[in-house]
Amino acid sequence: MEKLFLRPSEVGPLIGFGKTMVYKLIQSGELPSRRIGKSIRVSVAALEKWADEKGVQFAKAIHRRKSPTAHNHRPRKGGK
């Protein structure tokens, strides 16, 4: 199932911007967003429209990411 809304940290990599820039675009009102509870979310449809209007390259494939804790951690070199 594709996501309908994305966190700002998920939006950045899709449009090639950092998280801080995404928050600045949201704060200025340039990038449409919604507040859901205490969280900020960007609609995928609104993001696609915004990217088309601004001529921003948009990574069309939106896949559900694994949680950050699901990463395989390698032991440190020379460490325990």
PDB file of N, CA and C in Angstrom:
ATOM      1  N   MET A   1       0.839  -1.183   0.000  1.00  0.00           N
ATOM      2  CA  MET A   1       0.000   0.000   0.000  1.00  0.00           C
ATOM      3  C   MET A   1       0.886   1.248   0.000  1.00  0.00           C
ATOM      4  N   GLU A   2       0.582   2.145  -0.911  1.00  0.00           N
ATOM      5  CA  GLU A   2       1.344   3.393  -0.973  1.00  0.00           C
ATOM      6  C   GLU A   2       0.865   4.343   0.111  1.00  0.00           C
ATOM      7  N   LYS A   3       1.788   5.145   0.588  1.00  0.00           N
ATOM      8  CA  LYS A   3       1.443   6.145   1.593  1.00  0.00           C
ATOM      9  C   LYS A   3       0.725   7.314   0.937  1.00  0.00           C
ATOM     10  N   LEU A   4      -0.206   7.913   1.663  1.00  0.00           N
ATOM     11  CA  LEU A   4      -0.890   9.107   1.184  1.00  0.00           C
ATOM     12  C   LEU A   4      -0.220  10.373   1.687  1.00  0.00           C
ATOM     13  N   PHE A   5       0.409  10.273   2.856  1.00  0.00           N
ATOM     14  CA  PHE A   5       1.090  11.409   3.472  1.00  0.00           C
ATOM     15  C   PHE A   5       2.503  10.999   3.869  1.00  0.00           C
ATOM     16  N   LEU A   6       3.413  11.959   3.788  1.00  0.00           N
ATOM     17  CA  LEU A   6       4.812  11.717   4.120  1.00  0.00           C
ATOM     18  C   LEU A   6       5.290  12.680   5.195  1.00  0.00           C
ATOM     19  N   ARG A   7       6.251  12.239   5.982  1.00  0.00           N
ATOM     20  CA  ARG A   7       6.903  13.129   6.943  1.00  0.00           C
ATOM     21  C   ARG A   7       7.891  14.007   6.176  1.00  0.00           C
ATOM     22  N   PRO A   8       8.194  15.195   6.683  1.00  0.00           N
ATOM     23  CA  PRO A   8       9.171  16.058   6.005  1.00  0.00           C
ATOM     24  C   PRO A   8      10.512  15.362   5.771  1.00  0.00           C
ATOM     25  N   SER A   9      10.917  14.501   6.685  1.00  0.00           N
ATOM     26  CA  SER A   9      12.179  13.775   6.512  1.00  0.00           C
ATOM     27  C   SER A   9      12.113  12.785   5.350  1.00  0.00           C
ATOM     28  N   GLU A  10      10.909  12.349   4.976  1.00  0.00           N
ATOM     29  CA  GLU A  10      10.737  11.459   3.829  1.00  0.00           C
ATOM     30  C   GLU A  10      10.639  12.247   2.524  1.00  0.00           C
ATOM     31  N   VAL A  11      10.171  13.483   2.609  1.00  0.00           N
ATOM     32  CA  VAL A  11      10.005  14.329   1.425  1.00  0.00           C
ATOM     33  C   VAL A  11      11.361  14.752   0.861  1.00  0.00           C
ATOM     34  N   GLY A  12      12.284  15.137   1.723  1.00  0.00           N
ATOM     35  CA  GLY A  12      13.587  15.642   1.296  1.00  0.00           C
ATOM     36  C   GLY A  12      14.297  14.770   0.274  1.00  0.00           C
ATOM     37  N   PRO A  13      14.518  13.496   0.566  1.00  0.00           N
ATOM     38  CA  PRO A  13      15.212  12.644  -0.404  1.00  0.00           C
ATOM     39  C   PRO A  13      14.470  12.491  -1.734  1.00  0.00           C
ATOM     40  N   LEU A  14      13.158  12.592  -1.704  1.00  0.00           N
ATOM     41  CA  LEU A  14      12.381  12.438  -2.934  1.00  0.00           C
ATOM     42  C   LEU A  14      12.557  13.614  -3.891  1.00  0.00           C
ATOM     43  N   ILE A  15      12.815  14.792  -3.335  1.00  0.00           N
ATOM     44  CA  ILE A  15      12.946  15.974  -4.185  1.00  0.00           C
ATOM     45  C   ILE A  15      14.370  16.536  -4.183  1.00  0.00           C
ATOM     46  N   GLY A  16      15.259  15.854  -3.485  1.00  0.00           N
ATOM     47  CA  GLY A  16      16.663  16.258  -3.497  1.00  0.00           C
ATOM     48  C   GLY A  16      17.001  17.422  -2.588  1.00  0.00           C
ATOM     49  N   PHE A  17      16.180  17.659  -1.574  1.00  0.00           N
ATOM     50  CA  PHE A  17      16.429  18.731  -0.607  1.00  0.00           C
ATOM     51  C   PHE A  17      16.692  18.112   0.757  1.00  0.00           C
ATOM     52  N   GLY A  18      17.363  18.867   1.602  1.00  0.00           N
ATOM     53  CA  GLY A  18      17.574  18.438   2.973  1.00  0.00           C
ATOM     54  C   GLY A  18      16.326  18.677   3.810  1.00  0.00           C
ATOM     55  N   LYS A  19      16.295  18.061   4.971  1.00  0.00           N
ATOM     56  CA  LYS A  19      15.147  18.172   5.870  1.00  0.00           C
ATOM     57  C   LYS A  19      14.890  19.619   6.284  1.00  0.00           C
ATOM     58  N   THR A  20      15.957  20.368   6.541  1.00  0.00           N
ATOM     59  CA  THR A  20      15.812  21.763   6.956  1.00  0.00           C
ATOM     60  C   THR A  20      15.148  22.587   5.862  1.00  0.00           C
ATOM     61  N   MET A  21      15.552  22.376   4.619  1.00  0.00           N
ATOM     62  CA  MET A  21      14.959  23.110   3.499  1.00  0.00           C
ATOM     63  C   MET A  21      13.489  22.749   3.344  1.00  0.00           C
ATOM     64  N   VAL A  22      13.150  21.488   3.536  1.00  0.00           N
ATOM     65  CA  VAL A  22      11.747  21.062   3.450  1.00  0.00           C
ATOM     66  C   VAL A  22      10.927  21.795   4.512  1.00  0.00           C
ATOM     67  N   TYR A  23      11.441  21.870   5.732  1.00  0.00           N
ATOM     68  CA  TYR A  23      10.721  22.588   6.793  1.00  0.00           C
ATOM     69  C   TYR A  23      10.589  24.076   6.464  1.00  0.00           C
ATOM     70  N   LYS A  24      11.606  24.673   5.842  1.00  0.00           N
ATOM     71  CA  LYS A  24      11.515  26.084   5.451  1.00  0.00           C
ATOM     72  C   LYS A  24      10.435  26.283   4.390  1.00  0.00           C
ATOM     73  N   LEU A  25      10.363  25.371   3.426  1.00  0.00           N
ATOM     74  CA  LEU A  25       9.329  25.447   2.383  1.00  0.00           C
ATOM     75  C   LEU A  25       7.932  25.299   2.987  1.00  0.00           C
ATOM     76  N   ILE A  26       7.805  24.422   3.964  1.00  0.00           N
ATOM     77  CA  ILE A  26       6.523  24.227   4.636  1.00  0.00           C
ATOM     78  C   ILE A  26       6.159  25.471   5.432  1.00  0.00           C
ATOM     79  N   GLN A  27       7.121  25.998   6.196  1.00  0.00           N
ATOM     80  CA  GLN A  27       6.862  27.171   7.039  1.00  0.00           C
ATOM     81  C   GLN A  27       6.480  28.389   6.209  1.00  0.00           C
ATOM     82  N   SER A  28       7.093  28.541   5.044  1.00  0.00           N
ATOM     83  CA  SER A  28       6.786  29.687   4.195  1.00  0.00           C
ATOM     84  C   SER A  28       5.455  29.528   3.466  1.00  0.00           C
ATOM     85  N   GLY A  29       4.913  28.316   3.495  1.00  0.00           N
ATOM     86  CA  GLY A  29       3.651  28.056   2.806  1.00  0.00           C
ATOM     87  C   GLY A  29       3.838  27.669   1.349  1.00  0.00           C
ATOM     88  N   GLU A  30       5.082  27.622   0.893  1.00  0.00           N
ATOM     89  CA  GLU A  30       5.347  27.268  -0.496  1.00  0.00           C
ATOM     90  C   GLU A  30       5.049  25.796  -0.773  1.00  0.00           C
ATOM     91  N   LEU A  31       5.350  24.938   0.183  1.00  0.00           N
ATOM     92  CA  LEU A  31       5.067  23.510   0.050  1.00  0.00           C
ATOM     93  C   LEU A  31       3.848  23.195   0.920  1.00  0.00           C
ATOM     94  N   PRO A  32       2.739  22.784   0.309  1.00  0.00           N
ATOM     95  CA  PRO A  32       1.519  22.509   1.080  1.00  0.00           C
ATOM     96  C   PRO A  32       1.736  21.368   2.075  1.00  0.00           C
ATOM     97  N   SER A  33       1.188  21.545   3.261  1.00  0.00           N
ATOM     98  CA  SER A  33       1.306  20.511   4.289  1.00  0.00           C
ATOM     99  C   SER A  33       0.066  20.533   5.174  1.00  0.00           C
ATOM    100  N   ARG A  34      -0.044  19.515   5.979  1.00  0.00           N
ATOM    101  CA  ARG A  34      -1.140  19.421   6.945  1.00  0.00           C
ATOM    102  C   ARG A  34      -0.579  19.023   8.290  1.00  0.00           C
ATOM    103  N   ARG A  35      -1.258  19.491   9.310  1.00  0.00           N
ATOM    104  CA  ARG A  35      -0.893  19.086  10.661  1.00  0.00           C
ATOM    105  C   ARG A  35      -1.874  17.995  11.074  1.00  0.00           C
ATOM    106  N   ILE A  36      -1.322  16.869  11.452  1.00  0.00           N
ATOM    107  CA  ILE A  36      -2.129  15.753  11.938  1.00  0.00           C
ATOM    108  C   ILE A  36      -1.687  15.527  13.373  1.00  0.00           C
ATOM    109  N   GLY A  37      -2.519  15.977  14.299  1.00  0.00           N
ATOM    110  CA  GLY A  37      -2.104  15.980  15.695  1.00  0.00           C
ATOM    111  C   GLY A  37      -0.962  16.964  15.853  1.00  0.00           C
ATOM    112  N   LYS A  38       0.149  16.503  16.389  1.00  0.00           N
ATOM    113  CA  LYS A  38       1.333  17.359  16.537  1.00  0.00           C
ATOM    114  C   LYS A  38       2.308  17.184  15.394  1.00  0.00           C
ATOM    115  N   SER A  39       1.983  16.303  14.457  1.00  0.00           N
ATOM    116  CA  SER A  39       2.887  15.988  13.354  1.00  0.00           C
ATOM    117  C   SER A  39       2.561  16.785  12.098  1.00  0.00           C
ATOM    118  N   ILE A  40       3.590  17.047  11.316  1.00  0.00           N
ATOM    119  CA  ILE A  40       3.420  17.705  10.020  1.00  0.00           C
ATOM    120  C   ILE A  40       3.535  16.633   8.955  1.00  0.00           C
ATOM    121  N   ARG A  41       2.603  16.637   8.010  1.00  0.00           N
ATOM    122  CA  ARG A  41       2.623  15.678   6.915  1.00  0.00           C
ATOM    123  C   ARG A  41       2.396  16.406   5.597  1.00  0.00           C
ATOM    124  N   VAL A  42       3.003  15.860   4.541  1.00  0.00           N
ATOM    125  CA  VAL A  42       2.855  16.409   3.200  1.00  0.00           C
ATOM    126  C   VAL A  42       2.130  15.359   2.369  1.00  0.00           C
ATOM    127  N   SER A  43       1.046  15.767   1.731  1.00  0.00           N
ATOM    128  CA  SER A  43       0.298  14.870   0.868  1.00  0.00           C
ATOM    129  C   SER A  43       1.144  14.512  -0.353  1.00  0.00           C
ATOM    130  N   VAL A  44       1.145  13.238  -0.720  1.00  0.00           N
ATOM    131  CA  VAL A  44       1.895  12.802  -1.894  1.00  0.00           C
ATOM    132  C   VAL A  44       1.355  13.501  -3.142  1.00  0.00           C
ATOM    133  N   ALA A  45       0.037  13.616  -3.250  1.00  0.00           N
ATOM    134  CA  ALA A  45      -0.572  14.285  -4.406  1.00  0.00           C
ATOM    135  C   ALA A  45      -0.147  15.753  -4.470  1.00  0.00           C
ATOM    136  N   ALA A  46      -0.156  16.443  -3.321  1.00  0.00           N
ATOM    137  CA  ALA A  46       0.256  17.850  -3.284  1.00  0.00           C
ATOM    138  C   ALA A  46       1.738  17.983  -3.608  1.00  0.00           C
ATOM    139  N   LEU A  47       2.544  17.036  -3.149  1.00  0.00           N
ATOM    140  CA  LEU A  47       3.979  17.065  -3.423  1.00  0.00           C
ATOM    141  C   LEU A  47       4.240  16.879  -4.919  1.00  0.00           C
ATOM    142  N   GLU A  48       3.532  15.940  -5.550  1.00  0.00           N
ATOM    143  CA  GLU A  48       3.691  15.724  -6.993  1.00  0.00           C
ATOM    144  C   GLU A  48       3.302  16.979  -7.779  1.00  0.00           C
ATOM    145  N   LYS A  49       2.192  17.602  -7.383  1.00  0.00           N
ATOM    146  CA  LYS A  49       1.736  18.822  -8.057  1.00  0.00           C
ATOM    147  C   LYS A  49       2.755  19.945  -7.873  1.00  0.00           C
ATOM    148  N   TRP A  50       3.238  20.118  -6.647  1.00  0.00           N
ATOM    149  CA  TRP A  50       4.220  21.157  -6.346  1.00  0.00           C
ATOM    150  C   TRP A  50       5.490  20.941  -7.163  1.00  0.00           C
ATOM    151  N   ALA A  51       5.955  19.694  -7.220  1.00  0.00           N
ATOM    152  CA  ALA A  51       7.178  19.377  -7.958  1.00  0.00           C
ATOM    153  C   ALA A  51       7.001  19.670  -9.448  1.00  0.00           C
ATOM    154  N   ASP A  52       5.826  19.344  -9.998  1.00  0.00           N
ATOM    155  CA  ASP A  52       5.558  19.631 -11.410  1.00  0.00           C
ATOM    156  C   ASP A  52       5.559  21.138 -11.674  1.00  0.00           C
ATOM    157  N   GLU A  53       4.914  21.899 -10.791  1.00  0.00           N
ATOM    158  CA  GLU A  53       4.836  23.354 -10.952  1.00  0.00           C
ATOM    159  C   GLU A  53       6.208  24.012 -10.847  1.00  0.00           C
ATOM    160  N   LYS A  54       7.039  23.497  -9.956  1.00  0.00           N
ATOM    161  CA  LYS A  54       8.361  24.098  -9.721  1.00  0.00           C
ATOM    162  C   LYS A  54       9.434  23.513 -10.628  1.00  0.00           C
ATOM    163  N   GLY A  55       9.091  22.470 -11.367  1.00  0.00           N
ATOM    164  CA  GLY A  55      10.088  21.835 -12.229  1.00  0.00           C
ATOM    165  C   GLY A  55      11.134  21.066 -11.447  1.00  0.00           C
ATOM    166  N   VAL A  56      10.749  20.585 -10.274  1.00  0.00           N
ATOM    167  CA  VAL A  56      11.664  19.833  -9.420  1.00  0.00           C
ATOM    168  C   VAL A  56      11.578  18.360  -9.801  1.00  0.00           C
ATOM    169  N   GLN A  57      12.734  17.726  -9.953  1.00  0.00           N
ATOM    170  CA  GLN A  57      12.769  16.298 -10.250  1.00  0.00           C
ATOM    171  C   GLN A  57      12.216  15.556  -9.041  1.00  0.00           C
ATOM    172  N   PHE A  58      11.227  14.730  -9.273  1.00  0.00           N
ATOM    173  CA  PHE A  58      10.550  14.033  -8.182  1.00  0.00           C
ATOM    174  C   PHE A  58      10.715  12.539  -8.376  1.00  0.00           C
ATOM    175  N   ALA A  59      11.214  11.871  -7.370  1.00  0.00           N
ATOM    176  CA  ALA A  59      11.360  10.412  -7.433  1.00  0.00           C
ATOM    177  C   ALA A  59       9.968   9.808  -7.299  1.00  0.00           C
ATOM    178  N   LYS A  60       9.455   9.258  -8.375  1.00  0.00           N
ATOM    179  CA  LYS A  60       8.076   8.771  -8.409  1.00  0.00           C
ATOM    180  C   LYS A  60       7.845   7.562  -7.508  1.00  0.00           C
ATOM    181  N   ALA A  61       8.847   6.747  -7.325  1.00  0.00           N
ATOM    182  CA  ALA A  61       8.663   5.536  -6.518  1.00  0.00           C
ATOM    183  C   ALA A  61       8.686   5.898  -5.038  1.00  0.00           C
ATOM    184  N   ILE A  62       7.581   5.678  -4.389  1.00  0.00           N
ATOM    185  CA  ILE A  62       7.490   5.936  -2.953  1.00  0.00           C
ATOM    186  C   ILE A  62       7.231   4.595  -2.287  1.00  0.00           C
ATOM    187  N   HIS A  63       8.228   4.109  -1.596  1.00  0.00           N
ATOM    188  CA  HIS A  63       8.107   2.821  -0.942  1.00  0.00           C
ATOM    189  C   HIS A  63       8.163   3.019   0.563  1.00  0.00           C
ATOM    190  N   ARG A  64       7.503   2.153   1.258  1.00  0.00           N
ATOM    191  CA  ARG A  64       7.540   2.195   2.719  1.00  0.00           C
ATOM    192  C   ARG A  64       8.938   1.789   3.165  1.00  0.00           C
ATOM    193  N   ARG A  65       9.564   2.629   3.926  1.00  0.00           N
ATOM    194  CA  ARG A  65      10.913   2.360   4.416  1.00  0.00           C
ATOM    195  C   ARG A  65      10.859   1.523   5.672  1.00  0.00           C
ATOM    196  N   LYS A  66      11.948   0.805   5.902  1.00  0.00           N
ATOM    197  CA  LYS A  66      12.081   0.095   7.163  1.00  0.00           C
ATOM    198  C   LYS A  66      12.390   1.117   8.248  1.00  0.00           C
ATOM    199  N   SER A  67      12.057   0.786   9.450  1.00  0.00           N
ATOM    200  CA  SER A  67      12.339   1.701  10.551  1.00  0.00           C
ATOM    201  C   SER A  67      13.850   1.803  10.747  1.00  0.00           C
ATOM    202  N   PRO A  68      14.319   2.948  11.273  1.00  0.00           N
ATOM    203  CA  PRO A  68      15.758   3.122  11.473  1.00  0.00           C
ATOM    204  C   PRO A  68      16.371   2.052  12.364  1.00  0.00           C
ATOM    205  N   THR A  69      15.593   1.457  13.235  1.00  0.00           N
ATOM    206  CA  THR A  69      16.129   0.436  14.137  1.00  0.00           C
ATOM    207  C   THR A  69      16.292  -0.899  13.428  1.00  0.00           C
ATOM    208  N   ALA A  70      15.776  -1.031  12.223  1.00  0.00           N
ATOM    209  CA  ALA A  70      15.857  -2.291  11.495  1.00  0.00           C
ATOM    210  C   ALA A  70      17.161  -2.422  10.706  1.00  0.00           C
ATOM    211  N   HIS A  71      18.031  -1.431  10.769  1.00  0.00           N
ATOM    212  CA  HIS A  71      19.282  -1.485  10.021  1.00  0.00           C
ATOM    213  C   HIS A  71      20.200  -2.551  10.601  1.00  0.00           C
ATOM    214  N   ASN A  72      20.958  -3.148   9.738  1.00  0.00           N
ATOM    215  CA  ASN A  72      21.970  -4.093  10.192  1.00  0.00           C
ATOM    216  C   ASN A  72      23.195  -3.303  10.620  1.00  0.00           C
ATOM    217  N   HIS A  73      23.569  -3.443  11.846  1.00  0.00           N
ATOM    218  CA  HIS A  73      24.715  -2.706  12.369  1.00  0.00           C
ATOM    219  C   HIS A  73      25.948  -3.591  12.322  1.00  0.00           C
ATOM    220  N   ARG A  74      27.039  -3.016  11.841  1.00  0.00           N
ATOM    221  CA  ARG A  74      28.302  -3.738  11.809  1.00  0.00           C
ATOM    222  C   ARG A  74      29.108  -3.397  13.052  1.00  0.00           C
ATOM    223  N   PRO A  75      29.835  -4.359  13.568  1.00  0.00           N
ATOM    224  CA  PRO A  75      30.679  -4.040  14.729  1.00  0.00           C
ATOM    225  C   PRO A  75      31.809  -3.100  14.327  1.00  0.00           C
ATOM    226  N   ARG A  76      32.247  -2.307  15.250  1.00  0.00           N
ATOM    227  CA  ARG A  76      33.344  -1.379  14.992  1.00  0.00           C
ATOM    228  C   ARG A  76      34.630  -2.150  14.755  1.00  0.00           C
ATOM    229  N   LYS A  77      35.465  -1.581  13.898  1.00  0.00           N
ATOM    230  CA  LYS A  77      36.770  -2.208  13.653  1.00  0.00           C
ATOM    231  C   LYS A  77      37.623  -2.077  14.896  1.00  0.00           C
ATOM    232  N   GLY A  78      38.200  -3.173  15.298  1.00  0.00           N
ATOM    233  CA  GLY A  78      39.085  -3.165  16.463  1.00  0.00           C
ATOM    234  C   GLY A  78      38.351  -2.997  17.777  1.00  0.00           C
ATOM    235  N   GLY A  79      37.031  -2.865  17.716  1.00  0.00           N
ATOM    236  CA  GLY A  79      36.244  -2.675  18.939  1.00  0.00           C
ATOM    237  C   GLY A  79      35.646  -3.967  19.414  1.00  0.00           C
ATOM    238  N   LYS A  80      34.938  -3.879  20.482  1.00  0.00           N
ATOM    239  CA  LYS A  80      34.303  -5.068  21.053  1.00  0.00           C
ATOM    240  C   LYS A  80      32.904  -5.234  20.555  1.00  0.00           C
TER     241      LYS A  80
END
